[in-house]
Amino acid sequence: LVQAGGSLRLSCAASGIILSNALMGWYRQTPGKQRELVALMSRDGS
């Protein structure tokens, strides 16, 4: 929980997969809405 204007840092720890070899992303979802893409990280670093 954070106030408007504040900051948070999310982390995702992986096991069983080497993330540097994978396409990675962050998505979000609220009740009653479709999941939406937040950020997508390609293998080339973009």
All heavy atoms as atom14 arrays in JSON, in Angstrom:
{
  "sequence": "LVQAGGSLRLSCAASGIILSNALMGWYRQTPGKQRELVALMSRDGS",
  "atom14_mask": [
    [1, 1, 1, 1, 1, 1, 1, 1, 0, 0, 0, 0, 0, 0],
    [1, 1, 1, 1, 1, 1, 1, 0, 0, 0, 0, 0, 0, 0],
    [1, 1, 1, 1, 1, 1, 1, 1, 1, 0, 0, 0, 0, 0],
    [1, 1, 1, 1, 1, 0, 0, 0, 0, 0, 0, 0, 0, 0],
    [1, 1, 1, 1, 0, 0, 0, 0, 0, 0, 0, 0, 0, 0],
    [1, 1, 1, 1, 0, 0, 0, 0, 0, 0, 0, 0, 0, 0],
    [1, 1, 1, 1, 1, 1, 0, 0, 0, 0, 0, 0, 0, 0],
    [1, 1, 1, 1, 1, 1, 1, 1, 0, 0, 0, 0, 0, 0],
    [1, 1, 1, 1, 1, 1, 1, 1, 1, 1, 1, 0, 0, 0],
    [1, 1, 1, 1, 1, 1, 1, 1, 0, 0, 0, 0, 0, 0],
    [1, 1, 1, 1, 1, 1, 0, 0, 0, 0, 0, 0, 0, 0],
    [1, 1, 1, 1, 1, 1, 0, 0, 0, 0, 0, 0, 0, 0],
    [1, 1, 1, 1, 1, 0, 0, 0, 0, 0, 0, 0, 0, 0],
    [1, 1, 1, 1, 1, 0, 0, 0, 0, 0, 0, 0, 0, 0],
    [1, 1, 1, 1, 1, 1, 0, 0, 0, 0, 0, 0, 0, 0],
    [1, 1, 1, 1, 0, 0, 0, 0, 0, 0, 0, 0, 0, 0],
    [1, 1, 1, 1, 1, 1, 1, 1, 0, 0, 0, 0, 0, 0],
    [1, 1, 1, 1, 1, 1, 1, 1, 0, 0, 0, 0, 0, 0],
    [1, 1, 1, 1, 1, 1, 1, 1, 0, 0, 0, 0, 0, 0],
    [1, 1, 1, 1, 1, 1, 0, 0, 0, 0, 0, 0, 0, 0],
    [1, 1, 1, 1, 1, 1, 1, 1, 0, 0, 0, 0, 0, 0],
    [1, 1, 1, 1, 1, 0, 0, 0, 0, 0, 0, 0, 0, 0],
    [1, 1, 1, 1, 1, 1, 1, 1, 0, 0, 0, 0, 0, 0],
    [1, 1, 1, 1, 1, 1, 1, 1, 0, 0, 0, 0, 0, 0],
    [1, 1, 1, 1, 0, 0, 0, 0, 0, 0, 0, 0, 0, 0],
    [1, 1, 1, 1, 1, 1, 1, 1, 1, 1, 1, 1, 1, 1],
    [1, 1, 1, 1, 1, 1, 1, 1, 1, 1, 1, 1, 0, 0],
    [1, 1, 1, 1, 1, 1, 1, 1, 1, 1, 1, 0, 0, 0],
    [1, 1, 1, 1, 1, 1, 1, 1, 1, 0, 0, 0, 0, 0],
    [1, 1, 1, 1, 1, 1, 1, 0, 0, 0, 0, 0, 0, 0],
    [1, 1, 1, 1, 1, 1, 1, 0, 0, 0, 0, 0, 0, 0],
    [1, 1, 1, 1, 0, 0, 0, 0, 0, 0, 0, 0, 0, 0],
    [1, 1, 1, 1, 1, 1, 1, 1, 1, 0, 0, 0, 0, 0],
    [1, 1, 1, 1, 1, 1, 1, 1, 1, 0, 0, 0, 0, 0],
    [1, 1, 1, 1, 1, 1, 1, 1, 1, 1, 1, 0, 0, 0],
    [1, 1, 1, 1, 1, 1, 1, 1, 1, 0, 0, 0, 0, 0],
    [1, 1, 1, 1, 1, 1, 1, 1, 0, 0, 0, 0, 0, 0],
    [1, 1, 1, 1, 1, 1, 1, 0, 0, 0, 0, 0, 0, 0],
    [1, 1, 1, 1, 1, 0, 0, 0, 0, 0, 0, 0, 0, 0],
    [1, 1, 1, 1, 1, 1, 1, 1, 0, 0, 0, 0, 0, 0],
    [1, 1, 1, 1, 1, 1, 1, 1, 0, 0, 0, 0, 0, 0],
    [1, 1, 1, 1, 1, 1, 0, 0, 0, 0, 0, 0, 0, 0],
    [1, 1, 1, 1, 1, 1, 1, 1, 1, 1, 1, 0, 0, 0],
    [1, 1, 1, 1, 1, 1, 1, 1, 0, 0, 0, 0, 0, 0],
    [1, 1, 1, 1, 0, 0, 0, 0, 0, 0, 0, 0, 0, 0],
    [1, 1, 1, 1, 1, 1, 0, 0, 0, 0, 0, 0, 0, 0]
  ],
  "atom14_positions": [
    [[0.85, -1.18, 0.0], [0.0, 0.0, 0.0], [0.89, 1.24, 0.0], [1.81, 1.34, 0.81], [-0.9, -0.01, 1.23], [-1.75, 1.24, 1.47], [-2.76, 1.43, 0.34], [-2.45, 1.14, 2.82], [0.0, 0.0, 0.0], [0.0, 0.0, 0.0], [0.0, 0.0, 0.0], [0.0, 0.0, 0.0], [0.0, 0.0, 0.0], [0.0, 0.0, 0.0]],
    [[0.6, 2.16, -0.89], [1.39, 3.38, -0.99], [0.45, 4.54, -1.34], [-0.6, 4.33, -1.97], [2.5, 3.23, -2.06], [1.91, 3.02, -3.44], [3.47, 4.39, -2.04], [0.0, 0.0, 0.0], [0.0, 0.0, 0.0], [0.0, 0.0, 0.0], [0.0, 0.0, 0.0], [0.0, 0.0, 0.0], [0.0, 0.0, 0.0], [0.0, 0.0, 0.0]],
    [[0.82, 5.73, -0.92], [0.02, 6.91, -1.25], [0.31, 7.36, -2.68], [1.4, 7.11, -3.22], [0.31, 8.05, -0.29], [-0.26, 7.84, 1.1], [-0.13, 9.08, 1.96], [0.8, 9.85, 1.83], [-1.09, 9.26, 2.86], [0.0, 0.0, 0.0], [0.0, 0.0, 0.0], [0.0, 0.0, 0.0], [0.0, 0.0, 0.0], [0.0, 0.0, 0.0]],
    [[-0.65, 8.03, -3.26], [-0.45, 8.58, -4.6], [0.8, 9.46, -4.62], [1.04, 10.24, -3.69], [-1.67, 9.38, -5.03], [0.0, 0.0, 0.0], [0.0, 0.0, 0.0], [0.0, 0.0, 0.0], [0.0, 0.0, 0.0], [0.0, 0.0, 0.0], [0.0, 0.0, 0.0], [0.0, 0.0, 0.0], [0.0, 0.0, 0.0], [0.0, 0.0, 0.0]],
    [[1.58, 9.3, -5.68], [2.84, 10.02, -5.8], [4.03, 9.27, -5.27], [5.18, 9.67, -5.5], [0.0, 0.0, 0.0], [0.0, 0.0, 0.0], [0.0, 0.0, 0.0], [0.0, 0.0, 0.0], [0.0, 0.0, 0.0], [0.0, 0.0, 0.0], [0.0, 0.0, 0.0], [0.0, 0.0, 0.0], [0.0, 0.0, 0.0], [0.0, 0.0, 0.0]],
    [[3.77, 8.18, -4.57], [4.84, 7.39, -3.99], [5.44, 6.4, -4.98], [5.1, 6.37, -6.17], [0.0, 0.0, 0.0], [0.0, 0.0, 0.0], [0.0, 0.0, 0.0], [0.0, 0.0, 0.0], [0.0, 0.0, 0.0], [0.0, 0.0, 0.0], [0.0, 0.0, 0.0], [0.0, 0.0, 0.0], [0.0, 0.0, 0.0], [0.0, 0.0, 0.0]],
    [[6.33, 5.57, -4.44], [7.06, 4.61, -5.27], [7.04, 3.21, -4.64], [6.94, 3.08, -3.41], [8.53, 5.03, -5.43], [8.64, 6.28, -6.07], [0.0, 0.0, 0.0], [0.0, 0.0, 0.0], [0.0, 0.0, 0.0], [0.0, 0.0, 0.0], [0.0, 0.0, 0.0], [0.0, 0.0, 0.0], [0.0, 0.0, 0.0], [0.0, 0.0, 0.0]],
    [[7.14, 2.23, -5.49], [7.33, 0.85, -5.08], [8.25, 0.17, -6.08], [8.3, 0.56, -7.25], [6.0, 0.07, -5.05], [5.04, 0.28, -3.87], [3.75, -0.47, -4.12], [5.68, -0.16, -2.56], [0.0, 0.0, 0.0], [0.0, 0.0, 0.0], [0.0, 0.0, 0.0], [0.0, 0.0, 0.0], [0.0, 0.0, 0.0], [0.0, 0.0, 0.0]],
    [[8.95, -0.85, -5.6], [9.79, -1.64, -6.48], [9.38, -3.1, -6.37], [9.46, -3.68, -5.28], [11.27, -1.48, -6.13], [12.21, -2.18, -7.1], [13.67, -1.9, -6.73], [14.6, -2.55, -7.63], [15.02, -2.02, -8.77], [14.58, -0.83, -9.14], [15.88, -2.68, -9.54], [0.0, 0.0, 0.0], [0.0, 0.0, 0.0], [0.0, 0.0, 0.0]],
    [[8.95, -3.65, -7.48], [8.57, -5.06, -7.52], [9.74, -5.88, -8.03], [10.51, -5.42, -8.87], [7.38, -5.27, -8.45], [6.13, -4.41, -8.19], [5.03, -4.81, -9.16], [5.67, -4.54, -6.76], [0.0, 0.0, 0.0], [0.0, 0.0, 0.0], [0.0, 0.0, 0.0], [0.0, 0.0, 0.0], [0.0, 0.0, 0.0], [0.0, 0.0, 0.0]],
    [[9.84, -7.09, -7.52], [10.85, -8.02, -7.99], [10.2, -9.34, -8.37], [9.16, -9.71, -7.83], [11.91, -8.26, -6.92], [12.67, -7.1, -6.67], [0.0, 0.0, 0.0], [0.0, 0.0, 0.0], [0.0, 0.0, 0.0], [0.0, 0.0, 0.0], [0.0, 0.0, 0.0], [0.0, 0.0, 0.0], [0.0, 0.0, 0.0], [0.0, 0.0, 0.0]],
    [[10.84, -10.03, -9.29], [10.37, -11.35, -9.71], [11.58, -12.27, -9.72], [12.52, -12.06, -10.5], [9.75, -11.27, -11.09], [9.31, -12.86, -11.82], [0.0, 0.0, 0.0], [0.0, 0.0, 0.0], [0.0, 0.0, 0.0], [0.0, 0.0, 0.0], [0.0, 0.0, 0.0], [0.0, 0.0, 0.0], [0.0, 0.0, 0.0], [0.0, 0.0, 0.0]],
    [[11.55, -13.25, -8.83], [12.64, -14.22, -8.74], [12.25, -15.48, -9.48], [11.12, -15.97, -9.32], [12.95, -14.53, -7.29], [0.0, 0.0, 0.0], [0.0, 0.0, 0.0], [0.0, 0.0, 0.0], [0.0, 0.0, 0.0], [0.0, 0.0, 0.0], [0.0, 0.0, 0.0], [0.0, 0.0, 0.0], [0.0, 0.0, 0.0], [0.0, 0.0, 0.0]],
    [[13.16, -15.99, -10.28], [12.86, -17.15, -11.11], [13.69, -18.36, -10.71], [14.85, -18.23, -10.3], [13.11, -16.83, -12.57], [0.0, 0.0, 0.0], [0.0, 0.0, 0.0], [0.0, 0.0, 0.0], [0.0, 0.0, 0.0], [0.0, 0.0, 0.0], [0.0, 0.0, 0.0], [0.0, 0.0, 0.0], [0.0, 0.0, 0.0], [0.0, 0.0, 0.0]],
    [[13.08, -19.51, -10.84], [13.8, -20.78, -10.71], [13.34, -21.7, -11.83], [12.21, -21.61, -12.3], [13.54, -21.42, -9.34], [12.16, -21.65, -9.16], [0.0, 0.0, 0.0], [0.0, 0.0, 0.0], [0.0, 0.0, 0.0], [0.0, 0.0, 0.0], [0.0, 0.0, 0.0], [0.0, 0.0, 0.0], [0.0, 0.0, 0.0], [0.0, 0.0, 0.0]],
    [[14.26, -22.53, -12.29], [13.92, -23.46, -13.35], [13.98, -22.86, -14.74], [13.64, -23.54, -15.72], [0.0, 0.0, 0.0], [0.0, 0.0, 0.0], [0.0, 0.0, 0.0], [0.0, 0.0, 0.0], [0.0, 0.0, 0.0], [0.0, 0.0, 0.0], [0.0, 0.0, 0.0], [0.0, 0.0, 0.0], [0.0, 0.0, 0.0], [0.0, 0.0, 0.0]],
    [[14.38, -21.61, -14.83], [14.45, -20.92, -16.11], [15.53, -19.85, -16.01], [15.69, -19.24, -14.95], [13.09, -20.28, -16.49], [13.15, -19.65, -17.89], [12.65, -19.28, -15.46], [11.79, -19.15, -18.37], [0.0, 0.0, 0.0], [0.0, 0.0, 0.0], [0.0, 0.0, 0.0], [0.0, 0.0, 0.0], [0.0, 0.0, 0.0], [0.0, 0.0, 0.0]],
    [[16.27, -19.67, -17.09], [17.29, -18.62, -17.13], [16.67, -17.4, -17.78], [16.38, -17.4, -18.98], [18.53, -19.09, -17.91], [19.14, -20.32, -17.23], [19.57, -17.98, -18.0], [20.28, -20.95, -17.99], [0.0, 0.0, 0.0], [0.0, 0.0, 0.0], [0.0, 0.0, 0.0], [0.0, 0.0, 0.0], [0.0, 0.0, 0.0], [0.0, 0.0, 0.0]],
    [[16.44, -16.37, -16.98], [15.68, -15.22, -17.46], [16.39, -14.47, -18.58], [15.74, -13.84, -19.41], [15.38, -14.27, -16.3], [14.48, -14.84, -15.2], [14.11, -13.75, -14.21], [13.24, -15.49, -15.78], [0.0, 0.0, 0.0], [0.0, 0.0, 0.0], [0.0, 0.0, 0.0], [0.0, 0.0, 0.0], [0.0, 0.0, 0.0], [0.0, 0.0, 0.0]],
    [[17.71, -14.52, -18.61], [18.43, -13.8, -19.66], [18.14, -14.39, -21.04], [18.33, -13.72, -22.05], [19.94, -13.83, -19.4], [20.41, -15.17, -19.36], [0.0, 0.0, 0.0], [0.0, 0.0, 0.0], [0.0, 0.0, 0.0], [0.0, 0.0, 0.0], [0.0, 0.0, 0.0], [0.0, 0.0, 0.0], [0.0, 0.0, 0.0], [0.0, 0.0, 0.0]],
    [[17.64, -15.62, -21.08], [17.3, -16.26, -22.35], [15.83, -16.14, -22.7], [15.38, -16.71, -23.7], [17.67, -17.76, -22.29], [19.15, -17.98, -22.15], [19.96, -17.14, -22.53], [19.53, -19.11, -21.59], [0.0, 0.0, 0.0], [0.0, 0.0, 0.0], [0.0, 0.0, 0.0], [0.0, 0.0, 0.0], [0.0, 0.0, 0.0], [0.0, 0.0, 0.0]],
    [[15.08, -15.46, -21.87], [13.63, -15.41, -22.03], [13.14, -14.0, -22.33], [13.75, -13.01, -21.94], [12.95, -15.93, -20.77], [0.0, 0.0, 0.0], [0.0, 0.0, 0.0], [0.0, 0.0, 0.0], [0.0, 0.0, 0.0], [0.0, 0.0, 0.0], [0.0, 0.0, 0.0], [0.0, 0.0, 0.0], [0.0, 0.0, 0.0], [0.0, 0.0, 0.0]],
    [[12.03, -13.94, -23.02], [11.26, -12.71, -23.13], [10.56, -12.52, -21.79], [9.9, -13.44, -21.3], [10.23, -12.83, -24.25], [9.25, -11.68, -24.43], [9.96, -10.45, -24.97], [8.11, -12.09, -25.33], [0.0, 0.0, 0.0], [0.0, 0.0, 0.0], [0.0, 0.0, 0.0], [0.0, 0.0, 0.0], [0.0, 0.0, 0.0], [0.0, 0.0, 0.0]],
    [[10.72, -11.35, -21.18], [10.16, -11.12, -19.86], [9.18, -9.96, -19.89], [9.34, -9.01, -20.65], [11.28, -10.78, -18.86], [12.27, -11.89, -18.67], [11.5, -13.38, -18.02], [10.76, -12.76, -16.5], [0.0, 0.0, 0.0], [0.0, 0.0, 0.0], [0.0, 0.0, 0.0], [0.0, 0.0, 0.0], [0.0, 0.0, 0.0], [0.0, 0.0, 0.0]],
    [[8.2, -10.04, -19.01], [7.25, -8.95, -18.96], [6.59, -8.8, -17.61], [6.67, -9.67, -16.75], [0.0, 0.0, 0.0], [0.0, 0.0, 0.0], [0.0, 0.0, 0.0], [0.0, 0.0, 0.0], [0.0, 0.0, 0.0], [0.0, 0.0, 0.0], [0.0, 0.0, 0.0], [0.0, 0.0, 0.0], [0.0, 0.0, 0.0], [0.0, 0.0, 0.0]],
    [[5.99, -7.65, -17.44], [5.13, -7.36, -16.29], [3.74, -7.03, -16.82], [3.6, -6.23, -17.75], [5.67, -6.18, -15.49], [6.89, -6.47, -14.68], [8.19, -6.23, -15.03], [6.93, -7.06, -13.38], [9.04, -6.64, -14.03], [8.29, -7.15, -13.0], [5.96, -7.53, -12.48], [8.7, -7.67, -11.77], [6.37, -8.05, -11.28], [7.72, -8.12, -10.92]],
    [[2.74, -7.63, -16.21], [1.35, -7.38, -16.54], [0.63, -6.98, -15.26], [1.11, -7.2, -14.15], [0.7, -8.64, -17.12], [1.08, -8.94, -18.54], [2.32, -9.48, -18.84], [0.19, -8.69, -19.58], [2.67, -9.75, -20.16], [0.53, -8.97, -20.9], [1.76, -9.5, -21.18], [2.11, -9.78, -22.48], [0.0, 0.0, 0.0], [0.0, 0.0, 0.0]],
    [[-0.56, -6.41, -15.43], [-1.38, -6.12, -14.26], [-2.84, -6.39, -14.57], [-3.25, -6.37, -15.73], [-1.17, -4.67, -13.81], [-1.77, -3.62, -14.72], [-1.38, -2.23, -14.23], [-2.08, -1.17, -14.93], [-1.84, 0.12, -14.76], [-0.91, 0.53, -13.9], [-2.54, 1.02, -15.43], [0.0, 0.0, 0.0], [0.0, 0.0, 0.0], [0.0, 0.0, 0.0]],
    [[-3.58, -6.61, -13.51], [-5.0, -6.92, -13.67], [-5.77, -6.42, -12.47], [-5.32, -6.57, -11.32], [-5.21, -8.43, -13.85], [-6.63, -8.8, -14.24], [-6.74, -10.24, -14.67], [-5.91, -11.08, -14.33], [-7.77, -10.55, -15.45], [0.0, 0.0, 0.0], [0.0, 0.0, 0.0], [0.0, 0.0, 0.0], [0.0, 0.0, 0.0], [0.0, 0.0, 0.0]],
    [[-6.94, -5.84, -12.75], [-7.87, -5.44, -11.7], [-9.14, -6.25, -11.89], [-9.44, -6.72, -13.0], [-8.17, -3.94, -11.76], [-8.63, -3.62, -13.09], [-6.93, -3.13, -11.46], [0.0, 0.0, 0.0], [0.0, 0.0, 0.0], [0.0, 0.0, 0.0], [0.0, 0.0, 0.0], [0.0, 0.0, 0.0], [0.0, 0.0, 0.0], [0.0, 0.0, 0.0]],
    [[-9.91, -6.43, -10.83], [-11.14, -7.23, -10.92], [-12.07, -6.72, -12.01], [-12.32, -5.51, -12.12], [-11.76, -7.08, -9.53], [-10.61, -6.81, -8.63], [-9.66, -5.99, -9.44], [0.0, 0.0, 0.0], [0.0, 0.0, 0.0], [0.0, 0.0, 0.0], [0.0, 0.0, 0.0], [0.0, 0.0, 0.0], [0.0, 0.0, 0.0], [0.0, 0.0, 0.0]],
    [[-12.56, -7.63, -12.82], [-13.5, -7.27, -13.86], [-12.88, -6.72, -15.13], [-13.59, -6.4, -16.08], [0.0, 0.0, 0.0], [0.0, 0.0, 0.0], [0.0, 0.0, 0.0], [0.0, 0.0, 0.0], [0.0, 0.0, 0.0], [0.0, 0.0, 0.0], [0.0, 0.0, 0.0], [0.0, 0.0, 0.0], [0.0, 0.0, 0.0], [0.0, 0.0, 0.0]],
    [[-11.57, -6.61, -15.15], [-10.88, -6.1, -16.33], [-9.9, -7.14, -16.87], [-9.42, -8.0, -16.14], [-10.13, -4.81, -16.0], [-11.01, -3.63, -15.66], [-10.19, -2.38, -15.39], [-9.47, -1.9, -16.62], [-8.74, -0.63, -16.38], [0.0, 0.0, 0.0], [0.0, 0.0, 0.0], [0.0, 0.0, 0.0], [0.0, 0.0, 0.0], [0.0, 0.0, 0.0]],
    [[-9.6, -7.0, -18.15], [-8.6, -7.9, -18.74], [-7.2, -7.55, -18.25], [-6.91, -6.39, -17.94], [-8.66, -7.77, -20.27], [-9.79, -8.53, -20.92], [-9.62, -8.62, -22.43], [-9.09, -7.72, -23.05], [-10.07, -9.72, -23.01], [0.0, 0.0, 0.0], [0.0, 0.0, 0.0], [0.0, 0.0, 0.0], [0.0, 0.0, 0.0], [0.0, 0.0, 0.0]],
    [[-6.37, -8.56, -18.24], [-4.97, -8.33, -17.89], [-4.34, -7.44, -18.95], [-4.59, -7.61, -20.15], [-4.24, -9.67, -17.81], [-2.8, -9.6, -17.39], [-2.3, -10.96, -16.95], [-2.6, -12.0, -17.9], [-2.57, -13.3, -17.62], [-2.26, -13.71, -16.41], [-2.83, -14.2, -18.56], [0.0, 0.0, 0.0], [0.0, 0.0, 0.0], [0.0, 0.0, 0.0]],
    [[-3.53, -6.49, -18.53], [-2.92, -5.57, -19.49], [-1.41, -5.54, -19.32], [-0.89, -5.66, -18.2], [-3.5, -4.16, -19.35], [-3.4, -3.54, -17.97], [-4.11, -2.2, -17.89], [-4.69, -1.73, -18.89], [-4.08, -1.59, -16.8], [0.0, 0.0, 0.0], [0.0, 0.0, 0.0], [0.0, 0.0, 0.0], [0.0, 0.0, 0.0], [0.0, 0.0, 0.0]],
    [[-0.75, -5.37, -20.44], [0.7, -5.33, -20.45], [1.2, -4.02, -19.84], [0.71, -2.95, -20.17], [1.21, -5.46, -21.88], [2.72, -5.32, -22.08], [3.45, -6.48, -21.45], [3.05, -5.22, -23.56], [0.0, 0.0, 0.0], [0.0, 0.0, 0.0], [0.0, 0.0, 0.0], [0.0, 0.0, 0.0], [0.0, 0.0, 0.0], [0.0, 0.0, 0.0]],
    [[2.19, -4.13, -18.98], [2.84, -2.96, -18.39], [4.19, -2.71, -19.07], [4.49, -1.61, -19.51], [3.03, -3.14, -16.88], [3.82, -1.97, -16.29], [1.68, -3.29, -16.18], [0.0, 0.0, 0.0], [0.0, 0.0, 0.0], [0.0, 0.0, 0.0], [0.0, 0.0, 0.0], [0.0, 0.0, 0.0], [0.0, 0.0, 0.0], [0.0, 0.0, 0.0]],
    [[5.01, -3.75, -19.14], [6.33, -3.62, -19.74], [6.75, -4.98, -20.31], [6.44, -6.01, -19.72], [7.36, -3.15, -18.73], [0.0, 0.0, 0.0], [0.0, 0.0, 0.0], [0.0, 0.0, 0.0], [0.0, 0.0, 0.0], [0.0, 0.0, 0.0], [0.0, 0.0, 0.0], [0.0, 0.0, 0.0], [0.0, 0.0, 0.0], [0.0, 0.0, 0.0]],
    [[7.46, -4.93, -21.44], [7.92, -6.16, -22.08], [9.39, -6.0, -22.41], [9.77, -5.06, -23.13], [7.12, -6.43, -23.35], [7.18, -7.83, -23.93], [6.62, -8.84, -22.93], [6.43, -7.91, -25.24], [0.0, 0.0, 0.0], [0.0, 0.0, 0.0], [0.0, 0.0, 0.0], [0.0, 0.0, 0.0], [0.0, 0.0, 0.0], [0.0, 0.0, 0.0]],
    [[10.22, -6.9, -21.89], [11.67, -6.81, -22.05], [12.14, -7.89, -23.01], [12.03, -9.09, -22.72], [12.36, -6.98, -20.69], [12.05, -5.87, -19.72], [12.79, -6.19, -18.09], [11.58, -7.33, -17.44], [0.0, 0.0, 0.0], [0.0, 0.0, 0.0], [0.0, 0.0, 0.0], [0.0, 0.0, 0.0], [0.0, 0.0, 0.0], [0.0, 0.0, 0.0]],
    [[12.68, -7.48, -24.13], [13.16, -8.43, -25.12], [14.52, -8.98, -24.73], [15.21, -8.43, -23.88], [13.26, -7.75, -26.49], [12.01, -7.29, -26.9], [0.0, 0.0, 0.0], [0.0, 0.0, 0.0], [0.0, 0.0, 0.0], [0.0, 0.0, 0.0], [0.0, 0.0, 0.0], [0.0, 0.0, 0.0], [0.0, 0.0, 0.0], [0.0, 0.0, 0.0]],
    [[14.9, -10.05, -25.39], [16.19, -10.67, -25.11], [17.35, -9.76, -25.51], [18.45, -9.87, -24.95], [16.31, -12.0, -25.85], [15.31, -13.06, -25.4], [15.44, -14.32, -26.25], [14.45, -15.32, -25.94], [13.22, -15.34, -26.43], [12.85, -14.4, -27.26], [12.38, -16.31, -26.09], [0.0, 0.0, 0.0], [0.0, 0.0, 0.0], [0.0, 0.0, 0.0]],
    [[17.09, -8.86, -26.47], [18.16, -7.98, -26.92], [18.37, -6.77, -26.0], [19.23, -5.94, -26.28], [17.89, -7.5, -28.35], [16.65, -6.63, -28.47], [16.03, -6.34, -27.44], [16.3, -6.26, -29.6], [0.0, 0.0, 0.0], [0.0, 0.0, 0.0], [0.0, 0.0, 0.0], [0.0, 0.0, 0.0], [0.0, 0.0, 0.0], [0.0, 0.0, 0.0]],
    [[17.58, -6.71, -24.92], [17.77, -5.64, -23.96], [16.81, -4.48, -24.1], [16.77, -3.6, -23.24], [0.0, 0.0, 0.0], [0.0, 0.0, 0.0], [0.0, 0.0, 0.0], [0.0, 0.0, 0.0], [0.0, 0.0, 0.0], [0.0, 0.0, 0.0], [0.0, 0.0, 0.0], [0.0, 0.0, 0.0], [0.0, 0.0, 0.0], [0.0, 0.0, 0.0]],
    [[16.05, -4.47, -25.18], [15.08, -3.38, -25.36], [13.84, -3.64, -24.51], [13.51, -4.79, -24.2], [14.7, -3.24, -26.83], [14.07, -4.42, -27.29], [0.0, 0.0, 0.0], [0.0, 0.0, 0.0], [0.0, 0.0, 0.0], [0.0, 0.0, 0.0], [0.0, 0.0, 0.0], [0.0, 0.0, 0.0], [0.0, 0.0, 0.0], [0.0, 0.0, 0.0]]
  ]
}
